[in-house]
Amino acid sequence: KVAGWQFKGMDDHLNAINSTWESFLCQAGGTLTSPDFKTSTQNTEAGRTAMEYMKSFYTEKISPVGTSALNGFISGDVAMFPFFQSVIANV
């Protein structure tokens, strides 16, 4: 059995929320801060939409909880994970 997707978090083994969520937030029409950079705008409709979308990967069992994205990809247990320049040497 191969997982379809895995989030690569700050702690890969815990699948911490990471910059992938920011991409989902922007896709939903949100931003991280107000235009003057003084107020967080993450707790908005776009932020909640992004969080629900990210959560759906776990509730629909597309992304297994606790699986290492990088190691799972290398072993063939994970089909895809978000790729950042910092992991290129490992892949």
PDB file of N, CA and C in Angstrom:
ATOM      1  N   LYS A   1       0.853  -1.182   0.000  1.00  0.00           N
ATOM      2  CA  LYS A   1       0.000   0.000   0.000  1.00  0.00           C
ATOM      3  C   LYS A   1       0.895   1.241   0.000  1.00  0.00           C
ATOM      4  N   VAL A   2       0.588   2.165  -0.893  1.00  0.00           N
ATOM      5  CA  VAL A   2       1.358   3.398  -1.032  1.00  0.00           C
ATOM      6  C   VAL A   2       0.460   4.589  -0.700  1.00  0.00           C
ATOM      7  N   ALA A   3       0.951   5.456   0.186  1.00  0.00           N
ATOM      8  CA  ALA A   3       0.216   6.678   0.513  1.00  0.00           C
ATOM      9  C   ALA A   3       0.303   7.630  -0.666  1.00  0.00           C
ATOM     10  N   GLY A   4      -0.758   8.366  -0.936  1.00  0.00           N
ATOM     11  CA  GLY A   4      -0.769   9.280  -2.068  1.00  0.00           C
ATOM     12  C   GLY A   4       0.038  10.541  -1.857  1.00  0.00           C
ATOM     13  N   TRP A   5       0.111  11.002  -0.612  1.00  0.00           N
ATOM     14  CA  TRP A   5       0.730  12.301  -0.334  1.00  0.00           C
ATOM     15  C   TRP A   5       1.162  12.315   1.113  1.00  0.00           C
ATOM     16  N   GLN A   6       2.242  13.005   1.403  1.00  0.00           N
ATOM     17  CA  GLN A   6       2.651  13.210   2.792  1.00  0.00           C
ATOM     18  C   GLN A   6       3.193  14.617   2.944  1.00  0.00           C
ATOM     19  N   PHE A   7       2.796  15.268   4.017  1.00  0.00           N
ATOM     20  CA  PHE A   7       3.300  16.595   4.308  1.00  0.00           C
ATOM     21  C   PHE A   7       4.705  16.489   4.866  1.00  0.00           C
ATOM     22  N   LYS A   8       5.580  17.363   4.418  1.00  0.00           N
ATOM     23  CA  LYS A   8       6.929  17.421   4.982  1.00  0.00           C
ATOM     24  C   LYS A   8       6.939  18.552   5.974  1.00  0.00           C
ATOM     25  N   GLY A   9       6.964  18.229   7.250  1.00  0.00           N
ATOM     26  CA  GLY A   9       6.897  19.236   8.300  1.00  0.00           C
ATOM     27  C   GLY A   9       8.253  19.599   8.857  1.00  0.00           C
ATOM     28  N   MET A  10       8.235  20.546   9.784  1.00  0.00           N
ATOM     29  CA  MET A  10       9.463  20.930  10.465  1.00  0.00           C
ATOM     30  C   MET A  10      10.074  19.717  11.145  1.00  0.00           C
ATOM     31  N   ASP A  11       9.237  18.899  11.762  1.00  0.00           N
ATOM     32  CA  ASP A  11       9.674  17.616  12.277  1.00  0.00           C
ATOM     33  C   ASP A  11       8.984  16.582  11.403  1.00  0.00           C
ATOM     34  N   ASP A  12       9.705  16.046  10.440  1.00  0.00           N
ATOM     35  CA  ASP A  12       9.115  15.171   9.433  1.00  0.00           C
ATOM     36  C   ASP A  12       8.336  14.020  10.049  1.00  0.00           C
ATOM     37  N   HIS A  13       8.763  13.510  11.177  1.00  0.00           N
ATOM     38  CA  HIS A  13       8.093  12.353  11.770  1.00  0.00           C
ATOM     39  C   HIS A  13       6.765  12.715  12.423  1.00  0.00           C
ATOM     40  N   LEU A  14       6.587  13.958  12.785  1.00  0.00           N
ATOM     41  CA  LEU A  14       5.325  14.386  13.383  1.00  0.00           C
ATOM     42  C   LEU A  14       4.422  15.089  12.378  1.00  0.00           C
ATOM     43  N   ASN A  15       4.912  15.291  11.169  1.00  0.00           N
ATOM     44  CA  ASN A  15       4.140  15.956  10.122  1.00  0.00           C
ATOM     45  C   ASN A  15       3.596  17.302  10.571  1.00  0.00           C
ATOM     46  N   ALA A  16       4.450  18.113  11.137  1.00  0.00           N
ATOM     47  CA  ALA A  16       4.046  19.427  11.640  1.00  0.00           C
ATOM     48  C   ALA A  16       3.493  20.282  10.504  1.00  0.00           C
ATOM     49  N   ILE A  17       2.576  21.169  10.854  1.00  0.00           N
ATOM     50  CA  ILE A  17       2.074  22.116   9.858  1.00  0.00           C
ATOM     51  C   ILE A  17       3.247  22.968   9.404  1.00  0.00           C
ATOM     52  N   ASN A  18       3.335  23.201   8.130  1.00  0.00           N
ATOM     53  CA  ASN A  18       4.525  23.832   7.564  1.00  0.00           C
ATOM     54  C   ASN A  18       4.147  24.791   6.455  1.00  0.00           C
ATOM     55  N   SER A  19       5.103  25.114   5.642  1.00  0.00           N
ATOM     56  CA  SER A  19       4.853  26.074   4.564  1.00  0.00           C
ATOM     57  C   SER A  19       3.870  25.552   3.525  1.00  0.00           C
ATOM     58  N   THR A  20       3.564  24.263   3.539  1.00  0.00           N
ATOM     59  CA  THR A  20       2.522  23.754   2.640  1.00  0.00           C
ATOM     60  C   THR A  20       1.191  24.437   2.957  1.00  0.00           C
ATOM     61  N   TRP A  21       0.934  24.652   4.253  1.00  0.00           N
ATOM     62  CA  TRP A  21      -0.311  25.305   4.650  1.00  0.00           C
ATOM     63  C   TRP A  21      -0.381  26.718   4.084  1.00  0.00           C
ATOM     64  N   GLU A  22       0.732  27.407   4.052  1.00  0.00           N
ATOM     65  CA  GLU A  22       0.748  28.761   3.489  1.00  0.00           C
ATOM     66  C   GLU A  22       0.338  28.743   2.018  1.00  0.00           C
ATOM     67  N   SER A  23       0.771  27.736   1.289  1.00  0.00           N
ATOM     68  CA  SER A  23       0.363  27.607  -0.121  1.00  0.00           C
ATOM     69  C   SER A  23      -1.141  27.400  -0.224  1.00  0.00           C
ATOM     70  N   PHE A  24      -1.697  26.556   0.659  1.00  0.00           N
ATOM     71  CA  PHE A  24      -3.143  26.328   0.664  1.00  0.00           C
ATOM     72  C   PHE A  24      -3.888  27.601   1.047  1.00  0.00           C
ATOM     73  N   LEU A  25      -3.335  28.371   1.993  1.00  0.00           N
ATOM     74  CA  LEU A  25      -3.943  29.633   2.401  1.00  0.00           C
ATOM     75  C   LEU A  25      -4.016  30.604   1.230  1.00  0.00           C
ATOM     76  N   CYS A  26      -2.920  30.753   0.516  1.00  0.00           N
ATOM     77  CA  CYS A  26      -2.898  31.666  -0.640  1.00  0.00           C
ATOM     78  C   CYS A  26      -3.834  31.177  -1.737  1.00  0.00           C
ATOM     79  N   GLN A  27      -3.890  29.856  -1.927  1.00  0.00           N
ATOM     80  CA  GLN A  27      -4.794  29.287  -2.929  1.00  0.00           C
ATOM     81  C   GLN A  27      -6.246  29.620  -2.598  1.00  0.00           C
ATOM     82  N   ALA A  28      -6.558  29.682  -1.293  1.00  0.00           N
ATOM     83  CA  ALA A  28      -7.925  29.994  -0.861  1.00  0.00           C
ATOM     84  C   ALA A  28      -8.191  31.500  -0.845  1.00  0.00           C
ATOM     85  N   GLY A  29      -7.224  32.300  -1.283  1.00  0.00           N
ATOM     86  CA  GLY A  29      -7.404  33.738  -1.364  1.00  0.00           C
ATOM     87  C   GLY A  29      -6.936  34.492  -0.131  1.00  0.00           C
ATOM     88  N   GLY A  30      -6.233  33.828   0.776  1.00  0.00           N
ATOM     89  CA  GLY A  30      -5.789  34.464   2.004  1.00  0.00           C
ATOM     90  C   GLY A  30      -4.359  34.971   1.937  1.00  0.00           C
ATOM     91  N   THR A  31      -3.975  35.654   2.983  1.00  0.00           N
ATOM     92  CA  THR A  31      -2.619  36.144   3.165  1.00  0.00           C
ATOM     93  C   THR A  31      -2.232  35.895   4.621  1.00  0.00           C
ATOM     94  N   LEU A  32      -0.948  35.966   4.926  1.00  0.00           N
ATOM     95  CA  LEU A  32      -0.498  35.754   6.301  1.00  0.00           C
ATOM     96  C   LEU A  32      -0.729  36.963   7.195  1.00  0.00           C
ATOM     97  N   THR A  33      -0.650  38.145   6.613  1.00  0.00           N
ATOM     98  CA  THR A  33      -0.798  39.365   7.409  1.00  0.00           C
ATOM     99  C   THR A  33      -1.632  40.398   6.655  1.00  0.00           C
ATOM    100  N   SER A  34      -2.013  41.411   7.405  1.00  0.00           N
ATOM    101  CA  SER A  34      -2.683  42.549   6.783  1.00  0.00           C
ATOM    102  C   SER A  34      -1.667  43.284   5.911  1.00  0.00           C
ATOM    103  N   PRO A  35      -2.130  44.150   5.003  1.00  0.00           N
ATOM    104  CA  PRO A  35      -1.191  44.860   4.124  1.00  0.00           C
ATOM    105  C   PRO A  35      -0.128  45.667   4.861  1.00  0.00           C
ATOM    106  N   ASP A  36      -0.424  46.131   6.091  1.00  0.00           N
ATOM    107  CA  ASP A  36       0.577  46.897   6.841  1.00  0.00           C
ATOM    108  C   ASP A  36       1.473  45.993   7.709  1.00  0.00           C
ATOM    109  N   PHE A  37       1.282  44.688   7.607  1.00  0.00           N
ATOM    110  CA  PHE A  37       2.088  43.678   8.318  1.00  0.00           C
ATOM    111  C   PHE A  37       1.947  43.747   9.836  1.00  0.00           C
ATOM    112  N   LYS A  38       0.878  44.345  10.340  1.00  0.00           N
ATOM    113  CA  LYS A  38       0.712  44.489  11.784  1.00  0.00           C
ATOM    114  C   LYS A  38      -0.246  43.479  12.391  1.00  0.00           C
ATOM    115  N   THR A  39      -1.067  42.846  11.559  1.00  0.00           N
ATOM    116  CA  THR A  39      -2.091  41.942  12.063  1.00  0.00           C
ATOM    117  C   THR A  39      -2.064  40.629  11.298  1.00  0.00           C
ATOM    118  N   SER A  40      -2.138  39.544  12.045  1.00  0.00           N
ATOM    119  CA  SER A  40      -2.248  38.238  11.396  1.00  0.00           C
ATOM    120  C   SER A  40      -3.638  38.114  10.786  1.00  0.00           C
ATOM    121  N   THR A  41      -3.699  37.604   9.593  1.00  0.00           N
ATOM    122  CA  THR A  41      -4.993  37.393   8.931  1.00  0.00           C
ATOM    123  C   THR A  41      -5.231  35.907   8.671  1.00  0.00           C
ATOM    124  N   GLN A  42      -4.554  35.069   9.424  1.00  0.00           N
ATOM    125  CA  GLN A  42      -4.682  33.638   9.208  1.00  0.00           C
ATOM    126  C   GLN A  42      -5.999  33.082   9.724  1.00  0.00           C
ATOM    127  N   ASN A  43      -6.569  33.677  10.781  1.00  0.00           N
ATOM    128  CA  ASN A  43      -7.838  33.205  11.317  1.00  0.00           C
ATOM    129  C   ASN A  43      -8.979  33.910  10.585  1.00  0.00           C
ATOM    130  N   THR A  44      -9.101  33.570   9.307  1.00  0.00           N
ATOM    131  CA  THR A  44     -10.113  34.144   8.431  1.00  0.00           C
ATOM    132  C   THR A  44     -10.813  32.999   7.714  1.00  0.00           C
ATOM    133  N   GLU A  45     -11.772  33.307   6.901  1.00  0.00           N
ATOM    134  CA  GLU A  45     -12.444  32.259   6.121  1.00  0.00           C
ATOM    135  C   GLU A  45     -11.444  31.505   5.256  1.00  0.00           C
ATOM    136  N   ALA A  46     -10.519  32.219   4.620  1.00  0.00           N
ATOM    137  CA  ALA A  46      -9.502  31.559   3.795  1.00  0.00           C
ATOM    138  C   ALA A  46      -8.606  30.667   4.645  1.00  0.00           C
ATOM    139  N   GLY A  47      -8.247  31.140   5.836  1.00  0.00           N
ATOM    140  CA  GLY A  47      -7.413  30.343   6.730  1.00  0.00           C
ATOM    141  C   GLY A  47      -8.109  29.072   7.181  1.00  0.00           C
ATOM    142  N   ARG A  48      -9.378  29.182   7.531  1.00  0.00           N
ATOM    143  CA  ARG A  48     -10.144  28.000   7.941  1.00  0.00           C
ATOM    144  C   ARG A  48     -10.345  27.044   6.769  1.00  0.00           C
ATOM    145  N   THR A  49     -10.568  27.588   5.579  1.00  0.00           N
ATOM    146  CA  THR A  49     -10.703  26.742   4.382  1.00  0.00           C
ATOM    147  C   THR A  49      -9.411  25.975   4.131  1.00  0.00           C
ATOM    148  N   ALA A  50      -8.283  26.656   4.244  1.00  0.00           N
ATOM    149  CA  ALA A  50      -6.987  26.016   4.032  1.00  0.00           C
ATOM    150  C   ALA A  50      -6.750  24.915   5.061  1.00  0.00           C
ATOM    151  N   MET A  51      -7.083  25.187   6.322  1.00  0.00           N
ATOM    152  CA  MET A  51      -6.881  24.198   7.379  1.00  0.00           C
ATOM    153  C   MET A  51      -7.776  22.983   7.183  1.00  0.00           C
ATOM    154  N   GLU A  52      -9.013  23.195   6.802  1.00  0.00           N
ATOM    155  CA  GLU A  52      -9.924  22.071   6.551  1.00  0.00           C
ATOM    156  C   GLU A  52      -9.428  21.225   5.368  1.00  0.00           C
ATOM    157  N   TYR A  53      -8.920  21.889   4.351  1.00  0.00           N
ATOM    158  CA  TYR A  53      -8.383  21.167   3.197  1.00  0.00           C
ATOM    159  C   TYR A  53      -7.179  20.319   3.621  1.00  0.00           C
ATOM    160  N   MET A  54      -6.283  20.919   4.389  1.00  0.00           N
ATOM    161  CA  MET A  54      -5.113  20.180   4.849  1.00  0.00           C
ATOM    162  C   MET A  54      -5.539  19.017   5.750  1.00  0.00           C
ATOM    163  N   LYS A  55      -6.489  19.258   6.625  1.00  0.00           N
ATOM    164  CA  LYS A  55      -6.996  18.212   7.514  1.00  0.00           C
ATOM    165  C   LYS A  55      -7.607  17.057   6.718  1.00  0.00           C
ATOM    166  N   SER A  56      -8.221  17.367   5.581  1.00  0.00           N
ATOM    167  CA  SER A  56      -8.875  16.319   4.792  1.00  0.00           C
ATOM    168  C   SER A  56      -7.890  15.258   4.291  1.00  0.00           C
ATOM    169  N   PHE A  57      -6.626  15.625   4.136  1.00  0.00           N
ATOM    170  CA  PHE A  57      -5.640  14.636   3.710  1.00  0.00           C
ATOM    171  C   PHE A  57      -5.484  13.537   4.752  1.00  0.00           C
ATOM    172  N   TYR A  58      -5.682  13.895   6.032  1.00  0.00           N
ATOM    173  CA  TYR A  58      -5.595  12.900   7.100  1.00  0.00           C
ATOM    174  C   TYR A  58      -6.920  12.187   7.306  1.00  0.00           C
ATOM    175  N   THR A  59      -8.028  12.940   7.318  1.00  0.00           N
ATOM    176  CA  THR A  59      -9.324  12.308   7.568  1.00  0.00           C
ATOM    177  C   THR A  59      -9.721  11.372   6.425  1.00  0.00           C
ATOM    178  N   GLU A  60      -9.293  11.675   5.217  1.00  0.00           N
ATOM    179  CA  GLU A  60      -9.595  10.806   4.084  1.00  0.00           C
ATOM    180  C   GLU A  60      -8.496   9.773   3.834  1.00  0.00           C
ATOM    181  N   LYS A  61      -7.518   9.725   4.754  1.00  0.00           N
ATOM    182  CA  LYS A  61      -6.427   8.743   4.729  1.00  0.00           C
ATOM    183  C   LYS A  61      -5.585   8.789   3.453  1.00  0.00           C
ATOM    184  N   ILE A  62      -5.432   9.992   2.905  1.00  0.00           N
ATOM    185  CA  ILE A  62      -4.536  10.202   1.767  1.00  0.00           C
ATOM    186  C   ILE A  62      -3.108  10.325   2.273  1.00  0.00           C
ATOM    187  N   SER A  63      -2.962  10.962   3.443  1.00  0.00           N
ATOM    188  CA  SER A  63      -1.661  11.195   4.047  1.00  0.00           C
ATOM    189  C   SER A  63      -1.628  10.531   5.414  1.00  0.00           C
ATOM    190  N   PRO A  64      -0.794   9.505   5.616  1.00  0.00           N
ATOM    191  CA  PRO A  64      -0.774   8.808   6.907  1.00  0.00           C
ATOM    192  C   PRO A  64      -0.106   9.636   7.995  1.00  0.00           C
ATOM    193  N   VAL A  65      -0.666   9.616   9.176  1.00  0.00           N
ATOM    194  CA  VAL A  65      -0.108  10.347  10.310  1.00  0.00           C
ATOM    195  C   VAL A  65       1.177   9.662  10.751  1.00  0.00           C
ATOM    196  N   GLY A  66       2.222  10.465  10.951  1.00  0.00           N
ATOM    197  CA  GLY A  66       3.457   9.945  11.512  1.00  0.00           C
ATOM    198  C   GLY A  66       4.449   9.365  10.527  1.00  0.00           C
ATOM    199  N   THR A  67       4.074   9.205   9.274  1.00  0.00           N
ATOM    200  CA  THR A  67       4.997   8.662   8.290  1.00  0.00           C
ATOM    201  C   THR A  67       5.987   9.735   7.862  1.00  0.00           C
ATOM    202  N   SER A  68       7.252   9.395   7.811  1.00  0.00           N
ATOM    203  CA  SER A  68       8.258  10.331   7.337  1.00  0.00           C
ATOM    204  C   SER A  68       8.074  10.537   5.842  1.00  0.00           C
ATOM    205  N   ALA A  69       7.857  11.762   5.427  1.00  0.00           N
ATOM    206  CA  ALA A  69       7.637  12.049   4.011  1.00  0.00           C
ATOM    207  C   ALA A  69       8.846  11.672   3.175  1.00  0.00           C
ATOM    208  N   LEU A  70      10.003  12.137   3.572  1.00  0.00           N
ATOM    209  CA  LEU A  70      11.215  11.871   2.791  1.00  0.00           C
ATOM    210  C   LEU A  70      11.557  10.387   2.794  1.00  0.00           C
ATOM    211  N   ASN A  71      11.611   9.779   3.977  1.00  0.00           N
ATOM    212  CA  ASN A  71      11.953   8.354   4.034  1.00  0.00           C
ATOM    213  C   ASN A  71      10.884   7.493   3.373  1.00  0.00           C
ATOM    214  N   GLY A  72       9.624   7.884   3.520  1.00  0.00           N
ATOM    215  CA  GLY A  72       8.544   7.148   2.869  1.00  0.00           C
ATOM    216  C   GLY A  72       8.630   7.231   1.353  1.00  0.00           C
ATOM    217  N   PHE A  73       9.028   8.394   0.846  1.00  0.00           N
ATOM    218  CA  PHE A  73       9.198   8.560  -0.597  1.00  0.00           C
ATOM    219  C   PHE A  73      10.353   7.687  -1.102  1.00  0.00           C
ATOM    220  N   ILE A  74      11.460   7.720  -0.383  1.00  0.00           N
ATOM    221  CA  ILE A  74      12.629   6.937  -0.783  1.00  0.00           C
ATOM    222  C   ILE A  74      12.323   5.436  -0.757  1.00  0.00           C
ATOM    223  N   SER A  75      11.556   4.985   0.257  1.00  0.00           N
ATOM    224  CA  SER A  75      11.252   3.556   0.374  1.00  0.00           C
ATOM    225  C   SER A  75      10.114   3.108  -0.528  1.00  0.00           C
ATOM    226  N   GLY A  76       9.381   4.072  -1.120  1.00  0.00           N
ATOM    227  CA  GLY A  76       8.265   3.722  -1.987  1.00  0.00           C
ATOM    228  C   GLY A  76       6.936   3.629  -1.262  1.00  0.00           C
ATOM    229  N   ASP A  77       6.895   4.043   0.028  1.00  0.00           N
ATOM    230  CA  ASP A  77       5.648   4.009   0.793  1.00  0.00           C
ATOM    231  C   ASP A  77       4.812   5.276   0.622  1.00  0.00           C
ATOM    232  N   VAL A  78       5.409   6.337   0.098  1.00  0.00           N
ATOM    233  CA  VAL A  78       4.723   7.608  -0.131  1.00  0.00           C
ATOM    234  C   VAL A  78       4.954   8.013  -1.581  1.00  0.00           C
ATOM    235  N   ALA A  79       3.873   8.318  -2.299  1.00  0.00           N
ATOM    236  CA  ALA A  79       3.999   8.659  -3.717  1.00  0.00           C
ATOM    237  C   ALA A  79       4.508  10.083  -3.941  1.00  0.00           C
ATOM    238  N   MET A  80       4.067  11.032  -3.110  1.00  0.00           N
ATOM    239  CA  MET A  80       4.430  12.438  -3.316  1.00  0.00           C
ATOM    240  C   MET A  80       4.575  13.146  -1.987  1.00  0.00           C
ATOM    241  N   PHE A  81       5.426  14.177  -1.971  1.00  0.00           N
ATOM    242  CA  PHE A  81       5.510  15.084  -0.839  1.00  0.00           C
ATOM    243  C   PHE A  81       5.981  16.432  -1.357  1.00  0.00           C
ATOM    244  N   PRO A  82       5.700  17.523  -0.613  1.00  0.00           N
ATOM    245  CA  PRO A  82       6.145  18.826  -1.083  1.00  0.00           C
ATOM    246  C   PRO A  82       7.666  18.876  -1.086  1.00  0.00           C
ATOM    247  N   PHE A  83       8.205  19.395  -2.135  1.00  0.00           N
ATOM    248  CA  PHE A  83       9.652  19.395  -2.320  1.00  0.00           C
ATOM    249  C   PHE A  83      10.195  20.795  -2.137  1.00  0.00           C
ATOM    250  N   PHE A  84      11.167  20.922  -1.267  1.00  0.00           N
ATOM    251  CA  PHE A  84      11.821  22.190  -1.029  1.00  0.00           C
ATOM    252  C   PHE A  84      13.298  22.009  -1.322  1.00  0.00           C
ATOM    253  N   GLN A  85      13.965  23.037  -1.744  1.00  0.00           N
ATOM    254  CA  GLN A  85      15.369  22.959  -2.126  1.00  0.00           C
ATOM    255  C   GLN A  85      16.234  22.323  -1.039  1.00  0.00           C
ATOM    256  N   SER A  86      15.853  22.488   0.220  1.00  0.00           N
ATOM    257  CA  SER A  86      16.680  21.989   1.315  1.00  0.00           C
ATOM    258  C   SER A  86      16.759  20.468   1.380  1.00  0.00           C
ATOM    259  N   VAL A  87      15.869  19.758   0.690  1.00  0.00           N
ATOM    260  CA  VAL A  87      15.904  18.288   0.751  1.00  0.00           C
ATOM    261  C   VAL A  87      16.467  17.664  -0.514  1.00  0.00           C
ATOM    262  N   ILE A  88      16.929  18.436  -1.463  1.00  0.00           N
ATOM    263  CA  ILE A  88      17.361  17.883  -2.751  1.00  0.00           C
ATOM    264  C   ILE A  88      18.488  16.860  -2.590  1.00  0.00           C
ATOM    265  N   ALA A  89      19.424  17.100  -1.690  1.00  0.00           N
ATOM    266  CA  ALA A  89      20.531  16.154  -1.505  1.00  0.00           C
ATOM    267  C   ALA A  89      20.029  14.818  -0.978  1.00  0.00           C
ATOM    268  N   ASN A  90      18.994  14.841  -0.128  1.00  0.00           N
ATOM    269  CA  ASN A  90      18.456  13.601   0.438  1.00  0.00           C
ATOM    270  C   ASN A  90      17.703  12.779  -0.608  1.00  0.00           C
ATOM    271  N   VAL A  91      17.007  13.427  -1.517  1.00  0.00           N
ATOM    272  CA  VAL A  91      16.247  12.717  -2.547  1.00  0.00           C
ATOM    273  C   VAL A  91      17.203  12.152  -3.574  1.00  0.00           C
TER     274      VAL A  91
END
